[in-house]
Amino acid sequence: MKITKEDIQRKESALKTLLETMEVPELRRDTSKPFNVRWLSRNLRIENQEHPMLETATEMVVFLLRNQ
């Protein structure tokens, strides 16, 4: 299955919505910038260990890392 630009945009949008409910600095929520996605992959768990959607957000970050 080929990943389209639209698929990536949908994941970015969904992740951005999720990040609004998490402890993430405002400037790191722009998931269209690859350096922010890399930052999220390293730091998302630090302040959000108890967040019920952490695993979903982590999966989206990994998807974006692989497909941006």
C-alpha atoms as a PDB file:
ATOM      1  CA  MET A   1       0.000   0.000   0.000  1.00  0.00           C
ATOM      2  CA  LYS A   2       1.400   3.349  -1.054  1.00  0.00           C
ATOM      3  CA  ILE A   3       1.351   6.177   1.489  1.00  0.00           C
ATOM      4  CA  THR A   4      -0.032   9.360  -0.061  1.00  0.00           C
ATOM      5  CA  LYS A   5       0.606  12.958   0.888  1.00  0.00           C
ATOM      6  CA  GLU A   6      -3.027  13.059   2.039  1.00  0.00           C
ATOM      7  CA  ASP A   7      -2.402  10.144   4.449  1.00  0.00           C
ATOM      8  CA  ILE A   8       0.529  12.016   5.952  1.00  0.00           C
ATOM      9  CA  GLN A   9      -1.512  15.210   6.308  1.00  0.00           C
ATOM     10  CA  ARG A  10      -4.301  13.294   8.063  1.00  0.00           C
ATOM     11  CA  LYS A  11      -1.832  11.776  10.550  1.00  0.00           C
ATOM     12  CA  GLU A  12      -0.260  15.204  11.172  1.00  0.00           C
ATOM     13  CA  SER A  13      -3.684  16.695  11.835  1.00  0.00           C
ATOM     14  CA  ALA A  14      -4.740  13.888  14.172  1.00  0.00           C
ATOM     15  CA  LEU A  15      -1.446  14.066  16.061  1.00  0.00           C
ATOM     16  CA  LYS A  16      -1.716  17.849  16.381  1.00  0.00           C
ATOM     17  CA  THR A  17      -5.179  17.414  17.947  1.00  0.00           C
ATOM     18  CA  LEU A  18      -3.828  14.810  20.382  1.00  0.00           C
ATOM     19  CA  LEU A  19      -0.856  16.986  21.326  1.00  0.00           C
ATOM     20  CA  GLU A  20      -3.232  19.736  22.446  1.00  0.00           C
ATOM     21  CA  THR A  21      -4.336  17.435  25.294  1.00  0.00           C
ATOM     22  CA  MET A  22      -0.759  16.620  26.310  1.00  0.00           C
ATOM     23  CA  GLU A  23       2.102  18.391  28.044  1.00  0.00           C
ATOM     24  CA  VAL A  24       4.028  19.510  24.953  1.00  0.00           C
ATOM     25  CA  PRO A  25       5.559  22.959  24.387  1.00  0.00           C
ATOM     26  CA  GLU A  26       3.524  25.005  21.911  1.00  0.00           C
ATOM     27  CA  LEU A  27       6.461  25.420  19.522  1.00  0.00           C
ATOM     28  CA  ARG A  28       6.891  21.615  19.274  1.00  0.00           C
ATOM     29  CA  ARG A  29       3.300  20.965  18.141  1.00  0.00           C
ATOM     30  CA  ASP A  30       3.952  21.835  14.493  1.00  0.00           C
ATOM     31  CA  THR A  31       4.287  18.302  13.124  1.00  0.00           C
ATOM     32  CA  SER A  32       4.932  19.484   9.558  1.00  0.00           C
ATOM     33  CA  LYS A  33       8.514  20.227  10.650  1.00  0.00           C
ATOM     34  CA  PRO A  34      10.645  17.054  10.773  1.00  0.00           C
ATOM     35  CA  PHE A  35      12.805  18.354  13.647  1.00  0.00           C
ATOM     36  CA  ASN A  36       9.671  18.680  15.818  1.00  0.00           C
ATOM     37  CA  VAL A  37       8.639  15.110  14.999  1.00  0.00           C
ATOM     38  CA  ARG A  38      12.123  13.900  15.986  1.00  0.00           C
ATOM     39  CA  TRP A  39      11.876  15.931  19.204  1.00  0.00           C
ATOM     40  CA  LEU A  40       8.495  14.327  19.959  1.00  0.00           C
ATOM     41  CA  SER A  41       9.928  10.852  19.392  1.00  0.00           C
ATOM     42  CA  ARG A  42      12.539  11.534  22.082  1.00  0.00           C
ATOM     43  CA  ASN A  43      10.504  13.554  24.577  1.00  0.00           C
ATOM     44  CA  LEU A  44       6.784  12.778  24.345  1.00  0.00           C
ATOM     45  CA  ARG A  45       6.840  10.153  27.126  1.00  0.00           C
ATOM     46  CA  ILE A  46       8.636  12.365  29.648  1.00  0.00           C
ATOM     47  CA  GLU A  47       5.651  14.454  30.777  1.00  0.00           C
ATOM     48  CA  ASN A  48       2.857  12.255  29.422  1.00  0.00           C
ATOM     49  CA  GLN A  49       3.447   8.781  30.888  1.00  0.00           C
ATOM     50  CA  GLU A  50      -0.081   8.640  32.310  1.00  0.00           C
ATOM     51  CA  HIS A  51      -1.882  10.042  29.248  1.00  0.00           C
ATOM     52  CA  PRO A  52      -4.461   7.516  27.966  1.00  0.00           C
ATOM     53  CA  MET A  53      -3.604   8.232  24.305  1.00  0.00           C
ATOM     54  CA  LEU A  54       0.191   8.113  24.644  1.00  0.00           C
ATOM     55  CA  GLU A  55       0.597   4.887  22.657  1.00  0.00           C
ATOM     56  CA  THR A  56      -1.581   6.208  19.828  1.00  0.00           C
ATOM     57  CA  ALA A  57       0.398   9.451  19.689  1.00  0.00           C
ATOM     58  CA  THR A  58       3.677   7.507  19.720  1.00  0.00           C
ATOM     59  CA  GLU A  59       2.492   5.352  16.802  1.00  0.00           C
ATOM     60  CA  MET A  60       1.615   8.492  14.830  1.00  0.00           C
ATOM     61  CA  VAL A  61       5.045   9.984  15.542  1.00  0.00           C
ATOM     62  CA  VAL A  62       6.735   6.793  14.290  1.00  0.00           C
ATOM     63  CA  PHE A  63       4.547   6.832  11.158  1.00  0.00           C
ATOM     64  CA  LEU A  64       5.552  10.439  10.443  1.00  0.00           C
ATOM     65  CA  LEU A  65       9.227   9.725  11.065  1.00  0.00           C
ATOM     66  CA  ARG A  66       9.116   6.962   8.483  1.00  0.00           C
ATOM     67  CA  ASN A  67       7.028   8.786   5.895  1.00  0.00           C
ATOM     68  CA  GLN A  68       7.786  12.514   5.966  1.00  0.00           C
END
